[in-house]
Amino acid sequence: VQDIEAIERLHKLATPLGIKLHLDGARIWNAHVATQTPFARYGACFETVSVCFSKGLGAPIGSMLLSTRERIEDARIWRKRFGGGMRQVGLLAAAADFGLTHHLGRLAQDHANARKIAEAIHSIDSRLVDLDTVETNIVGIDLTNTRITAGDLAKTLANAGVLSGALGSHYLRLVTHGDLNSSEIDQAIGVITSSLRAVI
């Protein structure tokens, strides 16, 4: 998670230069829960903020742009010019509202599940996971010192029912979410750790 003090320093440097900052806040919900930084403190540093209602909150689709009334009016014009308008979005708004009301508070469990996975991997070989980087619901596995590529490990895990993402040849990413219960997390840990032990 980007340190809020660093963001505030960047804002302080950018403002006198007339540089406007935008926050791609797709994972702002997780950052807020992990750091307890108020949303308003993030927002004060940016001219515009986009938020995603599917990542973390579990809505099937939906995002929102936040800014001043004037900027939002300009954004609506550009959205219309590019054909980005939608109709009857009440169902999407209802899903976003449900996510904010019911799922925001349980993101800490996603973070705890990611930490549990990371610690299990770390116990096999500390070079596989830097525990200091596991702040939210994302676990990065460094496969540099193994005999398998990230793509091959992703396939092995998928065949056993665990989905992951290969980012390059030596980095595998795991993401926990609210659809996973504790027994599924334990099952995933078993699959991941046995797969890693076989290639170390």
N, C-alpha and C. Protein backbone atom coordinates (compact mmCIF):
# COMPACT_ATOMS: atom_id res chain seq x y z
N VAL A 1 0.85 -1.18 0.00
CA VAL A 1 0.00 0.00 0.00
C VAL A 1 0.89 1.24 0.00
N GLN A 2 0.61 2.15 -0.91
CA GLN A 2 1.38 3.39 -0.98
C GLN A 2 1.16 4.20 0.29
N ASP A 3 2.23 4.64 0.89
CA ASP A 3 2.19 5.40 2.13
C ASP A 3 1.50 6.74 1.91
N ILE A 4 0.51 7.08 2.74
CA ILE A 4 -0.25 8.31 2.56
C ILE A 4 0.63 9.54 2.71
N GLU A 5 1.64 9.47 3.56
CA GLU A 5 2.55 10.62 3.71
C GLU A 5 3.32 10.87 2.41
N ALA A 6 3.70 9.81 1.71
CA ALA A 6 4.39 9.96 0.43
C ALA A 6 3.46 10.57 -0.61
N ILE A 7 2.20 10.16 -0.58
CA ILE A 7 1.21 10.73 -1.51
C ILE A 7 1.03 12.21 -1.22
N GLU A 8 0.96 12.56 0.05
CA GLU A 8 0.78 13.97 0.42
C GLU A 8 1.99 14.80 0.01
N ARG A 9 3.19 14.23 0.12
CA ARG A 9 4.39 14.95 -0.33
C ARG A 9 4.34 15.18 -1.84
N LEU A 10 3.92 14.16 -2.58
CA LEU A 10 3.80 14.29 -4.04
C LEU A 10 2.79 15.37 -4.39
N HIS A 11 1.66 15.39 -3.70
CA HIS A 11 0.64 16.41 -3.94
C HIS A 11 1.19 17.80 -3.66
N LYS A 12 1.96 17.92 -2.58
CA LYS A 12 2.54 19.21 -2.21
C LYS A 12 3.52 19.70 -3.26
N LEU A 13 4.27 18.78 -3.87
CA LEU A 13 5.21 19.15 -4.93
C LEU A 13 4.49 19.47 -6.23
N ALA A 14 3.43 18.73 -6.54
CA ALA A 14 2.75 18.87 -7.83
C ALA A 14 1.89 20.12 -7.90
N THR A 15 1.27 20.50 -6.80
CA THR A 15 0.31 21.60 -6.81
C THR A 15 0.89 22.93 -7.30
N PRO A 16 2.06 23.39 -6.79
CA PRO A 16 2.60 24.67 -7.28
C PRO A 16 3.00 24.63 -8.75
N LEU A 17 3.21 23.43 -9.28
CA LEU A 17 3.59 23.29 -10.68
C LEU A 17 2.38 23.18 -11.60
N GLY A 18 1.20 23.21 -11.00
CA GLY A 18 -0.03 23.11 -11.79
C GLY A 18 -0.32 21.70 -12.28
N ILE A 19 0.32 20.72 -11.69
CA ILE A 19 0.11 19.32 -12.08
C ILE A 19 -1.05 18.76 -11.27
N LYS A 20 -2.05 18.25 -11.98
CA LYS A 20 -3.22 17.66 -11.34
C LYS A 20 -3.01 16.16 -11.22
N LEU A 21 -3.32 15.60 -10.07
CA LEU A 21 -3.13 14.18 -9.83
C LEU A 21 -4.46 13.43 -9.88
N HIS A 22 -4.41 12.21 -10.42
CA HIS A 22 -5.57 11.31 -10.45
C HIS A 22 -5.23 10.05 -9.68
N LEU A 23 -6.16 9.55 -8.90
CA LEU A 23 -5.98 8.30 -8.18
C LEU A 23 -6.80 7.20 -8.84
N ASP A 24 -6.09 6.18 -9.35
CA ASP A 24 -6.77 4.97 -9.78
C ASP A 24 -7.03 4.18 -8.51
N GLY A 25 -8.20 4.37 -7.95
CA GLY A 25 -8.53 3.81 -6.65
C GLY A 25 -9.21 2.46 -6.70
N ALA A 26 -8.82 1.62 -7.67
CA ALA A 26 -9.45 0.31 -7.80
C ALA A 26 -9.37 -0.49 -6.51
N ARG A 27 -8.30 -0.33 -5.76
CA ARG A 27 -8.13 -1.09 -4.51
C ARG A 27 -8.11 -0.17 -3.28
N ILE A 28 -8.77 0.98 -3.40
CA ILE A 28 -8.77 1.93 -2.28
C ILE A 28 -9.47 1.35 -1.06
N TRP A 29 -10.46 0.49 -1.27
CA TRP A 29 -11.17 -0.11 -0.14
C TRP A 29 -10.20 -0.94 0.70
N ASN A 30 -9.37 -1.74 0.02
CA ASN A 30 -8.38 -2.56 0.72
C ASN A 30 -7.33 -1.69 1.41
N ALA A 31 -6.89 -0.64 0.73
CA ALA A 31 -5.89 0.26 1.32
C ALA A 31 -6.44 0.92 2.58
N HIS A 32 -7.69 1.34 2.52
CA HIS A 32 -8.34 1.97 3.67
C HIS A 32 -8.41 1.01 4.86
N VAL A 33 -8.84 -0.22 4.60
CA VAL A 33 -8.97 -1.20 5.68
C VAL A 33 -7.61 -1.56 6.26
N ALA A 34 -6.61 -1.71 5.39
CA ALA A 34 -5.27 -2.11 5.85
C ALA A 34 -4.58 -1.02 6.66
N THR A 35 -4.79 0.24 6.30
CA THR A 35 -4.05 1.34 6.94
C THR A 35 -4.91 2.21 7.85
N GLN A 36 -6.23 2.07 7.76
CA GLN A 36 -7.17 2.92 8.49
C GLN A 36 -7.04 4.39 8.08
N THR A 37 -6.49 4.64 6.90
CA THR A 37 -6.42 6.00 6.37
C THR A 37 -7.81 6.41 5.91
N PRO A 38 -8.32 7.55 6.38
CA PRO A 38 -9.66 7.98 5.95
C PRO A 38 -9.70 8.24 4.44
N PHE A 39 -10.84 7.92 3.84
CA PHE A 39 -11.01 8.15 2.41
C PHE A 39 -10.78 9.62 2.07
N ALA A 40 -11.24 10.52 2.94
CA ALA A 40 -11.10 11.96 2.69
C ALA A 40 -9.63 12.37 2.62
N ARG A 41 -8.78 11.70 3.38
CA ARG A 41 -7.35 12.05 3.35
C ARG A 41 -6.75 11.66 2.00
N TYR A 42 -7.16 10.51 1.47
CA TYR A 42 -6.72 10.16 0.12
C TYR A 42 -7.25 11.18 -0.88
N GLY A 43 -8.55 11.44 -0.80
CA GLY A 43 -9.20 12.31 -1.77
C GLY A 43 -8.64 13.72 -1.80
N ALA A 44 -8.15 14.22 -0.67
CA ALA A 44 -7.62 15.58 -0.60
C ALA A 44 -6.37 15.76 -1.47
N CYS A 45 -5.74 14.67 -1.86
CA CYS A 45 -4.49 14.75 -2.63
C CYS A 45 -4.71 14.68 -4.14
N PHE A 46 -5.94 14.48 -4.58
CA PHE A 46 -6.18 14.22 -6.00
C PHE A 46 -7.30 15.09 -6.54
N GLU A 47 -7.17 15.44 -7.83
CA GLU A 47 -8.24 16.19 -8.51
C GLU A 47 -9.40 15.27 -8.85
N THR A 48 -9.06 14.03 -9.22
CA THR A 48 -10.07 13.04 -9.55
C THR A 48 -9.68 11.71 -8.91
N VAL A 49 -10.69 10.93 -8.55
CA VAL A 49 -10.48 9.61 -7.97
C VAL A 49 -11.47 8.66 -8.64
N SER A 50 -10.98 7.53 -9.14
CA SER A 50 -11.90 6.50 -9.62
C SER A 50 -11.89 5.37 -8.60
N VAL A 51 -13.06 4.79 -8.38
CA VAL A 51 -13.18 3.65 -7.48
C VAL A 51 -13.87 2.51 -8.22
N CYS A 52 -13.55 1.29 -7.83
CA CYS A 52 -14.10 0.10 -8.45
C CYS A 52 -14.98 -0.61 -7.42
N PHE A 53 -16.16 -1.01 -7.83
CA PHE A 53 -17.07 -1.69 -6.91
C PHE A 53 -17.01 -3.21 -7.01
N SER A 54 -16.26 -3.72 -7.98
CA SER A 54 -16.14 -5.18 -8.09
C SER A 54 -14.93 -5.68 -7.30
N LYS A 55 -13.81 -4.99 -7.35
CA LYS A 55 -12.62 -5.43 -6.61
C LYS A 55 -12.83 -5.19 -5.12
N GLY A 56 -12.82 -6.24 -4.37
CA GLY A 56 -12.98 -6.14 -2.93
C GLY A 56 -14.42 -6.15 -2.47
N LEU A 57 -15.27 -5.34 -3.10
CA LEU A 57 -16.65 -5.22 -2.64
C LEU A 57 -17.58 -6.26 -3.24
N GLY A 58 -17.17 -6.91 -4.31
CA GLY A 58 -17.94 -8.02 -4.84
C GLY A 58 -19.10 -7.67 -5.75
N ALA A 59 -19.23 -6.41 -6.17
CA ALA A 59 -20.28 -6.09 -7.14
C ALA A 59 -19.91 -6.73 -8.48
N PRO A 60 -20.90 -7.13 -9.27
CA PRO A 60 -20.57 -7.78 -10.54
C PRO A 60 -19.90 -6.85 -11.55
N ILE A 61 -20.14 -5.57 -11.42
CA ILE A 61 -19.59 -4.58 -12.35
C ILE A 61 -19.79 -3.21 -11.71
N GLY A 62 -19.02 -2.25 -12.15
CA GLY A 62 -19.29 -0.89 -11.71
C GLY A 62 -18.08 -0.15 -11.18
N SER A 63 -17.99 1.10 -11.57
CA SER A 63 -16.96 1.99 -11.05
C SER A 63 -17.55 3.40 -11.02
N MET A 64 -16.85 4.30 -10.36
CA MET A 64 -17.35 5.66 -10.22
C MET A 64 -16.17 6.62 -10.26
N LEU A 65 -16.39 7.77 -10.87
CA LEU A 65 -15.40 8.84 -10.88
C LEU A 65 -15.86 9.90 -9.89
N LEU A 66 -14.96 10.31 -9.01
CA LEU A 66 -15.26 11.30 -7.99
C LEU A 66 -14.42 12.54 -8.21
N SER A 67 -15.05 13.71 -8.11
CA SER A 67 -14.32 14.96 -8.25
C SER A 67 -15.27 16.11 -7.92
N THR A 68 -14.89 17.30 -8.34
CA THR A 68 -15.75 18.46 -8.16
C THR A 68 -16.92 18.38 -9.14
N ARG A 69 -17.97 19.12 -8.85
CA ARG A 69 -19.15 19.13 -9.73
C ARG A 69 -18.74 19.53 -11.16
N GLU A 70 -17.88 20.55 -11.26
CA GLU A 70 -17.45 21.04 -12.58
C GLU A 70 -16.71 19.95 -13.36
N ARG A 71 -15.80 19.27 -12.71
CA ARG A 71 -15.05 18.21 -13.40
C ARG A 71 -15.95 17.05 -13.81
N ILE A 72 -16.90 16.72 -12.97
CA ILE A 72 -17.81 15.62 -13.30
C ILE A 72 -18.68 16.00 -14.49
N GLU A 73 -19.11 17.25 -14.55
CA GLU A 73 -19.88 17.70 -15.73
C GLU A 73 -19.05 17.56 -17.00
N ASP A 74 -17.78 17.96 -16.94
CA ASP A 74 -16.89 17.78 -18.09
C ASP A 74 -16.74 16.31 -18.44
N ALA A 75 -16.58 15.48 -17.42
CA ALA A 75 -16.41 14.04 -17.64
C ALA A 75 -17.64 13.44 -18.30
N ARG A 76 -18.83 13.91 -17.90
CA ARG A 76 -20.07 13.40 -18.52
C ARG A 76 -20.11 13.74 -20.01
N ILE A 77 -19.67 14.94 -20.35
CA ILE A 77 -19.64 15.33 -21.77
C ILE A 77 -18.70 14.41 -22.54
N TRP A 78 -17.50 14.19 -22.01
CA TRP A 78 -16.54 13.32 -22.69
C TRP A 78 -17.02 11.87 -22.74
N ARG A 79 -17.67 11.43 -21.69
CA ARG A 79 -18.22 10.07 -21.70
C ARG A 79 -19.23 9.91 -22.83
N LYS A 80 -20.08 10.92 -22.99
CA LYS A 80 -21.09 10.87 -24.05
C LYS A 80 -20.44 10.90 -25.42
N ARG A 81 -19.42 11.74 -25.59
CA ARG A 81 -18.72 11.82 -26.88
C ARG A 81 -18.09 10.49 -27.28
N PHE A 82 -17.60 9.76 -26.27
CA PHE A 82 -16.95 8.47 -26.55
C PHE A 82 -17.92 7.29 -26.49
N GLY A 83 -19.20 7.58 -26.31
CA GLY A 83 -20.19 6.50 -26.30
C GLY A 83 -20.15 5.64 -25.05
N GLY A 84 -19.73 6.22 -23.95
CA GLY A 84 -19.59 5.43 -22.73
C GLY A 84 -20.78 5.46 -21.80
N GLY A 85 -21.88 6.06 -22.24
CA GLY A 85 -23.04 6.15 -21.37
C GLY A 85 -23.76 4.82 -21.23
N MET A 86 -24.42 4.65 -20.10
CA MET A 86 -25.24 3.46 -19.86
C MET A 86 -26.61 3.90 -19.39
N ARG A 87 -27.58 3.04 -19.60
CA ARG A 87 -28.95 3.33 -19.15
C ARG A 87 -29.37 2.29 -18.12
N GLN A 88 -30.35 2.65 -17.34
CA GLN A 88 -30.91 1.75 -16.33
C GLN A 88 -29.81 1.14 -15.45
N VAL A 89 -29.00 2.00 -14.88
CA VAL A 89 -27.87 1.53 -14.07
C VAL A 89 -28.24 1.34 -12.60
N GLY A 90 -29.52 1.41 -12.30
CA GLY A 90 -29.95 1.25 -10.91
C GLY A 90 -29.54 -0.07 -10.30
N LEU A 91 -29.58 -1.15 -11.09
CA LEU A 91 -29.16 -2.46 -10.58
C LEU A 91 -27.69 -2.44 -10.20
N LEU A 92 -26.88 -1.78 -11.03
CA LEU A 92 -25.45 -1.68 -10.73
C LEU A 92 -25.23 -0.84 -9.47
N ALA A 93 -25.99 0.24 -9.36
CA ALA A 93 -25.87 1.09 -8.17
C ALA A 93 -26.28 0.32 -6.92
N ALA A 94 -27.31 -0.51 -7.04
CA ALA A 94 -27.75 -1.31 -5.89
C ALA A 94 -26.67 -2.30 -5.47
N ALA A 95 -26.01 -2.91 -6.45
CA ALA A 95 -24.93 -3.86 -6.13
C ALA A 95 -23.76 -3.13 -5.45
N ALA A 96 -23.44 -1.94 -5.94
CA ALA A 96 -22.36 -1.16 -5.33
C ALA A 96 -22.72 -0.77 -3.90
N ASP A 97 -23.97 -0.33 -3.71
CA ASP A 97 -24.43 0.04 -2.37
C ASP A 97 -24.39 -1.16 -1.42
N PHE A 98 -24.79 -2.32 -1.91
CA PHE A 98 -24.75 -3.53 -1.09
C PHE A 98 -23.31 -3.85 -0.70
N GLY A 99 -22.40 -3.73 -1.66
CA GLY A 99 -20.98 -4.00 -1.37
C GLY A 99 -20.42 -3.06 -0.32
N LEU A 100 -20.74 -1.78 -0.45
CA LEU A 100 -20.26 -0.80 0.53
C LEU A 100 -20.86 -1.05 1.91
N THR A 101 -22.11 -1.44 1.94
CA THR A 101 -22.81 -1.66 3.20
C THR A 101 -22.42 -2.96 3.88
N HIS A 102 -22.25 -4.03 3.09
CA HIS A 102 -22.07 -5.36 3.66
C HIS A 102 -20.66 -5.94 3.52
N HIS A 103 -19.89 -5.49 2.55
CA HIS A 103 -18.61 -6.15 2.29
C HIS A 103 -17.39 -5.35 2.72
N LEU A 104 -17.51 -4.06 2.84
CA LEU A 104 -16.36 -3.24 3.21
C LEU A 104 -15.79 -3.69 4.56
N GLY A 105 -16.65 -3.96 5.50
CA GLY A 105 -16.22 -4.35 6.83
C GLY A 105 -15.54 -5.71 6.91
N ARG A 106 -15.77 -6.57 5.90
CA ARG A 106 -15.18 -7.89 5.96
C ARG A 106 -13.91 -8.01 5.11
N LEU A 107 -13.42 -6.93 4.56
CA LEU A 107 -12.16 -6.98 3.80
C LEU A 107 -10.99 -7.39 4.68
N ALA A 108 -11.05 -7.07 5.96
CA ALA A 108 -9.97 -7.47 6.87
C ALA A 108 -9.80 -8.98 6.89
N GLN A 109 -10.90 -9.73 6.70
CA GLN A 109 -10.80 -11.19 6.65
C GLN A 109 -10.05 -11.64 5.40
N ASP A 110 -10.29 -10.96 4.27
CA ASP A 110 -9.52 -11.26 3.05
C ASP A 110 -8.04 -11.04 3.30
N HIS A 111 -7.71 -9.97 4.01
CA HIS A 111 -6.32 -9.65 4.31
C HIS A 111 -5.72 -10.72 5.23
N ALA A 112 -6.49 -11.15 6.22
CA ALA A 112 -6.01 -12.19 7.13
C ALA A 112 -5.79 -13.51 6.39
N ASN A 113 -6.68 -13.82 5.45
CA ASN A 113 -6.52 -15.04 4.66
C ASN A 113 -5.26 -14.98 3.79
N ALA A 114 -5.00 -13.82 3.20
CA ALA A 114 -3.79 -13.66 2.40
C ALA A 114 -2.55 -13.83 3.28
N ARG A 115 -2.61 -13.25 4.45
CA ARG A 115 -1.47 -13.37 5.38
C ARG A 115 -1.24 -14.83 5.78
N LYS A 116 -2.31 -15.56 6.00
CA LYS A 116 -2.21 -16.98 6.36
C LYS A 116 -1.54 -17.77 5.24
N ILE A 117 -1.94 -17.51 4.01
CA ILE A 117 -1.33 -18.17 2.85
C ILE A 117 0.15 -17.80 2.76
N ALA A 118 0.44 -16.51 2.90
CA ALA A 118 1.83 -16.03 2.79
C ALA A 118 2.72 -16.67 3.85
N GLU A 119 2.22 -16.75 5.07
CA GLU A 119 3.03 -17.34 6.14
C GLU A 119 3.28 -18.82 5.91
N ALA A 120 2.30 -19.52 5.34
CA ALA A 120 2.50 -20.95 5.03
C ALA A 120 3.57 -21.12 3.96
N ILE A 121 3.54 -20.25 2.95
CA ILE A 121 4.56 -20.31 1.89
C ILE A 121 5.92 -19.92 2.45
N HIS A 122 5.95 -18.88 3.25
CA HIS A 122 7.19 -18.39 3.85
C HIS A 122 7.85 -19.46 4.72
N SER A 123 7.03 -20.30 5.36
CA SER A 123 7.58 -21.35 6.23
C SER A 123 8.32 -22.43 5.43
N ILE A 124 8.02 -22.54 4.15
CA ILE A 124 8.72 -23.50 3.29
C ILE A 124 10.10 -22.95 2.91
N ASP A 125 10.10 -21.69 2.49
CA ASP A 125 11.34 -21.02 2.08
C ASP A 125 11.08 -19.52 2.15
N SER A 126 11.81 -18.83 3.00
CA SER A 126 11.56 -17.40 3.22
C SER A 126 11.81 -16.56 1.98
N ARG A 127 12.53 -17.11 1.00
CA ARG A 127 12.78 -16.35 -0.23
C ARG A 127 11.55 -16.30 -1.14
N LEU A 128 10.59 -17.16 -0.89
CA LEU A 128 9.40 -17.22 -1.75
C LEU A 128 8.46 -16.04 -1.55
N VAL A 129 8.34 -15.56 -0.33
CA VAL A 129 7.41 -14.47 -0.02
C VAL A 129 8.06 -13.49 0.94
N ASP A 130 7.98 -12.21 0.59
CA ASP A 130 8.39 -11.15 1.50
C ASP A 130 7.15 -10.76 2.31
N LEU A 131 7.11 -11.18 3.56
CA LEU A 131 5.92 -10.95 4.38
C LEU A 131 5.61 -9.47 4.56
N ASP A 132 6.61 -8.61 4.46
CA ASP A 132 6.37 -7.16 4.60
C ASP A 132 5.52 -6.60 3.48
N THR A 133 5.44 -7.31 2.35
CA THR A 133 4.65 -6.82 1.22
C THR A 133 3.21 -7.30 1.25
N VAL A 134 2.88 -8.18 2.18
CA VAL A 134 1.51 -8.72 2.25
C VAL A 134 0.71 -7.86 3.21
N GLU A 135 0.18 -6.77 2.67
CA GLU A 135 -0.56 -5.80 3.49
C GLU A 135 -2.06 -5.91 3.30
N THR A 136 -2.48 -6.42 2.16
CA THR A 136 -3.91 -6.52 1.87
C THR A 136 -4.25 -7.96 1.49
N ASN A 137 -4.93 -8.13 0.37
CA ASN A 137 -5.38 -9.46 -0.04
C ASN A 137 -4.56 -10.04 -1.18
N ILE A 138 -3.37 -9.52 -1.40
CA ILE A 138 -2.51 -9.97 -2.50
C ILE A 138 -1.24 -10.59 -1.94
N VAL A 139 -0.91 -11.77 -2.46
CA VAL A 139 0.32 -12.47 -2.08
C VAL A 139 1.15 -12.65 -3.34
N GLY A 140 2.38 -12.17 -3.32
CA GLY A 140 3.30 -12.36 -4.44
C GLY A 140 4.31 -13.44 -4.10
N ILE A 141 4.48 -14.38 -5.02
CA ILE A 141 5.43 -15.47 -4.81
C ILE A 141 6.59 -15.29 -5.78
N ASP A 142 7.80 -15.21 -5.25
CA ASP A 142 9.02 -15.07 -6.05
C ASP A 142 9.59 -16.46 -6.31
N LEU A 143 9.54 -16.90 -7.56
CA LEU A 143 9.96 -18.25 -7.93
C LEU A 143 11.38 -18.30 -8.48
N THR A 144 12.14 -17.24 -8.29
CA THR A 144 13.50 -17.17 -8.82
C THR A 144 14.35 -18.36 -8.40
N ASN A 145 14.21 -18.80 -7.17
CA ASN A 145 15.06 -19.88 -6.64
C ASN A 145 14.39 -21.25 -6.68
N THR A 146 13.45 -21.42 -7.61
CA THR A 146 12.78 -22.72 -7.76
C THR A 146 13.07 -23.28 -9.15
N ARG A 147 12.57 -24.49 -9.38
CA ARG A 147 12.76 -25.14 -10.67
C ARG A 147 11.50 -25.07 -11.53
N ILE A 148 10.69 -24.04 -11.34
CA ILE A 148 9.45 -23.92 -12.11
C ILE A 148 9.21 -22.47 -12.47
N THR A 149 8.57 -22.25 -13.61
CA THR A 149 8.20 -20.89 -14.00
C THR A 149 6.85 -20.55 -13.40
N ALA A 150 6.56 -19.27 -13.36
CA ALA A 150 5.27 -18.83 -12.83
C ALA A 150 4.12 -19.39 -13.66
N GLY A 151 4.29 -19.40 -14.97
CA GLY A 151 3.24 -19.93 -15.84
C GLY A 151 2.96 -21.39 -15.59
N ASP A 152 4.03 -22.18 -15.43
CA ASP A 152 3.85 -23.61 -15.17
C ASP A 152 3.23 -23.86 -13.80
N LEU A 153 3.64 -23.09 -12.81
CA LEU A 153 3.04 -23.26 -11.48
C LEU A 153 1.57 -22.86 -11.50
N ALA A 154 1.25 -21.80 -12.24
CA ALA A 154 -0.15 -21.38 -12.35
C ALA A 154 -1.00 -22.50 -12.95
N LYS A 155 -0.46 -23.19 -13.96
CA LYS A 155 -1.19 -24.32 -14.56
C LYS A 155 -1.35 -25.46 -13.57
N THR A 156 -0.29 -25.77 -12.84
CA THR A 156 -0.35 -26.84 -11.83
C THR A 156 -1.41 -26.53 -10.78
N LEU A 157 -1.40 -25.30 -10.30
CA LEU A 157 -2.37 -24.90 -9.29
C LEU A 157 -3.79 -24.92 -9.84
N ALA A 158 -3.96 -24.44 -11.07
CA ALA A 158 -5.30 -24.42 -11.69
C ALA A 158 -5.85 -25.83 -11.83
N ASN A 159 -5.00 -26.77 -12.19
CA ASN A 159 -5.44 -28.17 -12.32
C ASN A 159 -5.92 -28.73 -10.99
N ALA A 160 -5.45 -28.13 -9.89
CA ALA A 160 -5.87 -28.56 -8.55
C ALA A 160 -6.95 -27.65 -7.96
N GLY A 161 -7.45 -26.71 -8.78
CA GLY A 161 -8.55 -25.85 -8.34
C GLY A 161 -8.17 -24.53 -7.71
N VAL A 162 -6.89 -24.15 -7.79
CA VAL A 162 -6.45 -22.88 -7.21
C VAL A 162 -6.04 -21.95 -8.35
N LEU A 163 -6.73 -20.83 -8.47
CA LEU A 163 -6.42 -19.88 -9.54
C LEU A 163 -5.38 -18.87 -9.07
N SER A 164 -4.48 -18.52 -9.98
CA SER A 164 -3.41 -17.56 -9.68
C SER A 164 -3.06 -16.85 -10.98
N GLY A 165 -2.19 -15.87 -10.89
CA GLY A 165 -1.78 -15.13 -12.08
C GLY A 165 -0.27 -15.06 -12.19
N ALA A 166 0.24 -15.47 -13.33
CA ALA A 166 1.68 -15.37 -13.59
C ALA A 166 1.97 -13.99 -14.15
N LEU A 167 2.85 -13.26 -13.48
CA LEU A 167 3.28 -11.94 -13.95
C LEU A 167 4.77 -12.04 -14.23
N GLY A 168 5.11 -12.33 -15.47
CA GLY A 168 6.49 -12.61 -15.81
C GLY A 168 6.79 -14.07 -15.56
N SER A 169 8.04 -14.44 -15.73
CA SER A 169 8.40 -15.86 -15.63
C SER A 169 8.65 -16.32 -14.20
N HIS A 170 8.91 -15.39 -13.28
CA HIS A 170 9.28 -15.81 -11.92
C HIS A 170 8.40 -15.22 -10.81
N TYR A 171 7.29 -14.61 -11.18
CA TYR A 171 6.44 -14.00 -10.17
C TYR A 171 5.00 -14.49 -10.33
N LEU A 172 4.45 -15.04 -9.26
CA LEU A 172 3.08 -15.53 -9.27
C LEU A 172 2.28 -14.75 -8.24
N ARG A 173 1.08 -14.34 -8.62
CA ARG A 173 0.24 -13.55 -7.72
C ARG A 173 -1.01 -14.32 -7.33
N LEU A 174 -1.30 -14.31 -6.04
CA LEU A 174 -2.52 -14.89 -5.49
C LEU A 174 -3.34 -13.77 -4.88
N VAL A 175 -4.66 -13.82 -5.05
CA VAL A 175 -5.54 -12.79 -4.51
C VAL A 175 -6.69 -13.47 -3.78
N THR A 176 -6.88 -13.13 -2.52
CA THR A 176 -8.02 -13.66 -1.76
C THR A 176 -9.22 -12.75 -1.94
N HIS A 177 -10.42 -13.31 -1.73
CA HIS A 177 -11.64 -12.52 -1.89
C HIS A 177 -12.74 -13.10 -1.02
N GLY A 178 -13.85 -12.42 -0.95
CA GLY A 178 -14.92 -12.76 -0.04
C GLY A 178 -15.68 -14.02 -0.34
N ASP A 179 -15.48 -14.61 -1.51
CA ASP A 179 -16.17 -15.85 -1.85
C ASP A 179 -15.45 -17.08 -1.31
N LEU A 180 -14.33 -16.87 -0.64
CA LEU A 180 -13.55 -18.00 -0.11
C LEU A 180 -13.79 -18.15 1.39
N ASN A 181 -14.16 -19.36 1.81
CA ASN A 181 -14.33 -19.59 3.24
C ASN A 181 -13.05 -20.18 3.82
N SER A 182 -13.01 -20.36 5.13
CA SER A 182 -11.77 -20.78 5.79
C SER A 182 -11.32 -22.16 5.35
N SER A 183 -12.25 -23.08 5.10
CA SER A 183 -11.83 -24.41 4.66
C SER A 183 -11.25 -24.37 3.25
N GLU A 184 -11.77 -23.49 2.41
CA GLU A 184 -11.21 -23.34 1.06
C GLU A 184 -9.82 -22.71 1.12
N ILE A 185 -9.62 -21.78 2.03
CA ILE A 185 -8.28 -21.21 2.21
C ILE A 185 -7.31 -22.29 2.66
N ASP A 186 -7.72 -23.12 3.60
CA ASP A 186 -6.85 -24.21 4.07
C ASP A 186 -6.56 -25.21 2.95
N GLN A 187 -7.58 -25.50 2.14
CA GLN A 187 -7.38 -26.40 1.00
C GLN A 187 -6.39 -25.79 0.01
N ALA A 188 -6.54 -24.49 -0.27
CA ALA A 188 -5.63 -23.81 -1.19
C ALA A 188 -4.20 -23.83 -0.64
N ILE A 189 -4.05 -23.61 0.65
CA ILE A 189 -2.72 -23.65 1.27
C ILE A 189 -2.09 -25.02 1.06
N GLY A 190 -2.86 -26.07 1.24
CA GLY A 190 -2.34 -27.42 1.02
C GLY A 190 -1.86 -27.64 -0.39
N VAL A 191 -2.65 -27.19 -1.36
CA VAL A 191 -2.29 -27.33 -2.77
C VAL A 191 -1.04 -26.52 -3.09
N ILE A 192 -1.01 -25.28 -2.65
CA ILE A 192 0.11 -24.38 -2.96
C ILE A 192 1.40 -24.89 -2.32
N THR A 193 1.35 -25.23 -1.05
CA THR A 193 2.58 -25.64 -0.36
C THR A 193 3.11 -26.97 -0.90
N SER A 194 2.22 -27.91 -1.20
CA SER A 194 2.71 -29.19 -1.75
C SER A 194 3.30 -28.99 -3.13
N SER A 195 2.71 -28.10 -3.92
CA SER A 195 3.24 -27.82 -5.26
C SER A 195 4.60 -27.15 -5.17
N LEU A 196 4.77 -26.24 -4.22
CA LEU A 196 6.06 -25.56 -4.06
C LEU A 196 7.13 -26.49 -3.52
N ARG A 197 6.78 -27.34 -2.58
CA ARG A 197 7.77 -28.28 -2.04
C ARG A 197 8.34 -29.18 -3.14
N ALA A 198 7.53 -29.46 -4.13
CA ALA A 198 7.97 -30.35 -5.21
C ALA A 198 8.97 -29.70 -6.15
N VAL A 199 9.10 -28.37 -6.10
CA VAL A 199 9.98 -27.69 -7.07
C VAL A 199 11.12 -26.92 -6.40
N ILE A 200 11.26 -27.07 -5.11
CA ILE A 200 12.35 -26.36 -4.41
C ILE A 200 13.57 -27.27 -4.31
